[in-house]
N, C-alpha and C. Protein backbone atom coordinates (compact mmCIF):
# COMPACT_ATOMS: atom_id res chain seq x y z
N UNK A 1 403.87 176.00 152.99
CA UNK A 1 404.47 175.82 154.53
C UNK A 1 404.37 177.34 155.15
N UNK A 2 404.34 178.17 154.09
CA UNK A 2 404.66 179.92 154.56
C UNK A 2 403.61 180.27 154.69
N UNK A 3 402.18 179.78 154.47
CA UNK A 3 400.93 180.51 155.13
C UNK A 3 400.90 180.01 156.60
N UNK A 4 401.46 178.58 157.01
CA UNK A 4 401.46 178.32 158.32
C UNK A 4 402.52 179.24 159.34
N UNK A 5 403.26 179.50 158.69
CA UNK A 5 404.20 180.30 159.23
C UNK A 5 403.93 181.46 159.63
N UNK A 6 402.92 182.39 158.67
CA UNK A 6 402.11 183.43 158.77
C UNK A 6 401.51 182.99 159.84
N UNK A 7 400.51 182.13 159.77
CA UNK A 7 399.35 182.02 160.55
C UNK A 7 399.83 181.62 162.33
N UNK A 8 400.78 181.04 162.50
CA UNK A 8 401.12 180.76 163.82
C UNK A 8 402.01 181.97 164.46
N UNK A 9 402.66 182.68 163.53
CA UNK A 9 403.20 184.16 163.63
C UNK A 9 402.12 185.04 164.20
N UNK A 10 401.05 185.10 163.67
CA UNK A 10 399.53 186.25 163.94
C UNK A 10 399.03 185.59 165.08
N UNK A 11 399.26 184.31 165.43
CA UNK A 11 398.45 183.46 166.72
C UNK A 11 399.41 183.81 167.95
N UNK A 12 400.69 183.72 167.67
CA UNK A 12 401.80 184.16 168.59
C UNK A 12 401.62 185.82 168.78
N UNK A 13 401.45 186.62 168.40
CA UNK A 13 401.02 187.96 168.49
C UNK A 13 400.15 188.01 169.34
N UNK A 14 399.21 187.66 168.71
CA UNK A 14 397.63 187.88 169.40
C UNK A 14 397.60 187.27 171.04
N UNK A 15 398.37 186.01 171.19
CA UNK A 15 398.81 185.86 172.41
C UNK A 15 399.28 186.51 173.62
N UNK A 16 400.63 187.16 172.58
CA UNK A 16 401.29 188.02 173.08
C UNK A 16 400.80 189.70 173.69
N UNK A 17 399.78 189.68 172.74
CA UNK A 17 399.23 191.28 173.25
C UNK A 17 398.32 190.92 174.26
N UNK A 18 397.21 189.62 174.15
CA UNK A 18 396.69 189.52 175.27
C UNK A 18 397.06 189.34 176.53
N UNK A 19 398.46 188.55 176.89
CA UNK A 19 399.17 188.57 178.01
C UNK A 19 399.71 189.81 178.54
N UNK A 20 400.25 190.42 177.41
CA UNK A 20 400.99 192.26 177.67
C UNK A 20 399.68 192.79 178.06
N UNK A 21 398.91 192.78 177.76
CA UNK A 21 397.12 193.87 178.48
C UNK A 21 396.76 192.93 179.49
N UNK A 22 396.69 191.94 179.72
CA UNK A 22 396.33 191.33 180.83
C UNK A 22 397.21 190.22 181.46
N UNK A 23 398.28 190.90 182.37
CA UNK A 23 399.13 189.96 183.11
C UNK A 23 398.38 188.92 183.90
N UNK A 24 397.36 189.51 184.80
CA UNK A 24 396.75 188.64 185.89
C UNK A 24 396.31 187.29 185.13
N UNK A 25 396.08 187.21 183.88
CA UNK A 25 395.71 185.62 183.26
C UNK A 25 396.51 184.45 183.62
N UNK A 26 398.11 184.79 184.11
CA UNK A 26 398.72 183.88 184.05
C UNK A 26 399.47 183.89 185.52
N UNK A 27 399.15 184.95 186.30
CA UNK A 27 399.92 184.85 187.82
C UNK A 27 400.03 183.43 188.45
N UNK A 28 399.49 182.65 187.87
CA UNK A 28 399.28 180.95 188.34
C UNK A 28 400.43 180.17 187.86
N UNK A 29 400.80 180.57 186.63
CA UNK A 29 401.71 180.05 185.80
C UNK A 29 403.11 179.90 186.41
N UNK A 30 403.89 179.02 186.76
CA UNK A 30 405.18 179.26 187.21
C UNK A 30 404.72 179.26 188.82
N UNK A 31 404.37 178.67 189.26
CA UNK A 31 403.74 178.72 191.09
C UNK A 31 403.24 177.51 191.19
N UNK A 32 403.05 176.79 190.57
CA UNK A 32 402.52 175.28 190.62
C UNK A 32 402.87 174.74 191.70
N UNK A 33 402.79 174.10 192.41
CA UNK A 33 403.47 172.83 192.92
C UNK A 33 404.04 171.96 192.28
N UNK A 34 405.44 171.68 192.29
CA UNK A 34 406.48 170.89 191.61
C UNK A 34 407.20 171.71 190.78
N UNK A 35 407.20 173.08 190.51
CA UNK A 35 407.79 173.74 190.08
C UNK A 35 409.14 174.27 191.34
N UNK A 36 410.33 173.91 190.77
CA UNK A 36 411.25 174.27 191.50
C UNK A 36 411.94 175.64 191.60
N UNK A 37 412.18 176.15 192.69
CA UNK A 37 412.79 177.53 192.94
C UNK A 37 413.50 177.92 194.06
N UNK A 38 414.84 178.04 193.82
CA UNK A 38 415.81 177.98 194.66
C UNK A 38 416.26 179.56 194.53
N UNK A 39 416.93 180.48 195.77
CA UNK A 39 417.08 181.26 195.58
C UNK A 39 418.41 181.69 196.77
N UNK A 40 419.16 182.00 196.67
CA UNK A 40 420.36 182.21 197.59
C UNK A 40 421.37 183.41 197.23
N UNK A 41 421.51 184.44 197.58
CA UNK A 41 422.45 185.51 197.40
C UNK A 41 422.17 185.87 196.03
N UNK A 42 422.93 186.01 195.47
CA UNK A 42 422.93 186.30 193.80
C UNK A 42 422.48 185.28 193.09
N UNK A 43 422.31 184.12 193.76
CA UNK A 43 421.88 182.94 192.89
C UNK A 43 420.35 182.67 192.33
N UNK A 44 419.68 182.38 191.18
CA UNK A 44 418.32 182.45 191.52
C UNK A 44 418.80 180.89 190.46
N UNK A 45 417.65 179.82 190.86
CA UNK A 45 417.58 178.90 189.84
C UNK A 45 416.15 178.54 190.01
N UNK A 46 415.38 178.35 188.77
CA UNK A 46 414.21 178.05 188.55
C UNK A 46 413.82 176.89 187.79
N UNK A 47 413.15 175.76 188.24
CA UNK A 47 412.80 175.10 186.95
C UNK A 47 411.50 174.69 187.19
N UNK A 48 410.86 175.06 185.99
CA UNK A 48 409.13 174.67 186.00
C UNK A 48 408.69 173.71 185.46
N UNK A 49 409.02 172.51 186.47
CA UNK A 49 408.67 170.87 185.61
C UNK A 49 407.21 170.63 185.77
N UNK A 50 406.45 171.52 186.66
CA UNK A 50 404.80 170.96 186.68
C UNK A 50 404.50 171.97 185.33
N UNK A 51 404.63 173.22 185.44
CA UNK A 51 404.26 173.74 184.40
C UNK A 51 404.68 173.62 182.85
N UNK A 52 405.52 173.15 182.45
CA UNK A 52 406.28 172.64 181.32
C UNK A 52 405.32 171.24 180.94
N UNK A 53 404.90 170.55 182.14
CA UNK A 53 404.39 168.79 181.80
C UNK A 53 402.92 169.61 181.38
N UNK A 54 402.41 170.40 181.78
CA UNK A 54 400.96 171.14 181.52
C UNK A 54 400.83 171.54 180.06
N UNK A 55 402.23 172.68 179.81
CA UNK A 55 401.88 173.03 178.52
C UNK A 55 402.22 171.48 177.39
N UNK A 56 402.89 170.65 177.67
CA UNK A 56 403.19 169.52 177.05
C UNK A 56 401.93 168.81 176.74
N UNK A 57 401.06 169.06 177.77
CA UNK A 57 400.06 167.87 177.86
C UNK A 57 399.11 168.71 176.96
N UNK A 58 398.68 170.03 177.21
CA UNK A 58 397.85 170.74 176.35
C UNK A 58 398.07 170.77 175.00
N UNK A 59 399.30 171.41 174.63
CA UNK A 59 399.92 170.85 172.88
C UNK A 59 400.07 169.69 172.52
N UNK A 60 399.91 168.96 173.28
CA UNK A 60 399.57 167.08 172.36
C UNK A 60 398.22 167.36 172.54
N UNK A 61 397.59 167.59 173.07
CA UNK A 61 395.85 167.47 172.65
C UNK A 61 395.17 168.29 171.73
N UNK A 62 395.83 169.49 172.05
CA UNK A 62 395.33 170.52 170.65
C UNK A 62 396.01 170.10 169.27
N UNK A 63 397.52 169.69 168.92
CA UNK A 63 397.82 168.61 167.88
C UNK A 63 397.23 167.48 167.61
N UNK A 64 396.59 167.07 168.34
CA UNK A 64 396.13 165.40 167.97
C UNK A 64 394.31 166.14 167.43
N UNK A 65 394.18 167.15 167.93
CA UNK A 65 392.61 167.45 167.65
C UNK A 65 392.58 168.09 166.18
N UNK A 66 393.77 168.60 165.86
CA UNK A 66 393.78 169.55 164.42
C UNK A 66 394.47 168.43 163.54
N UNK A 67 395.04 167.38 163.74
CA UNK A 67 395.76 166.28 163.07
C UNK A 67 394.55 165.19 162.67
N UNK A 68 393.24 165.47 163.46
CA UNK A 68 392.49 164.69 162.91
C UNK A 68 390.82 164.93 162.00
């Protein structure tokens, strides 16, 4: 179990470094049609519905591939 946590941590670090050095890779994320953004005065509300559905579908596909 500890090896899986170490592997997951290393993968997250690599993804974080890549996204930090190349921020243009995710300029589209959070700006998809269906993501709700509301700004009024000092109030900001952001509900990434479409983005989270996309993340859920991708993670489901990846986990199903690894489980087989």
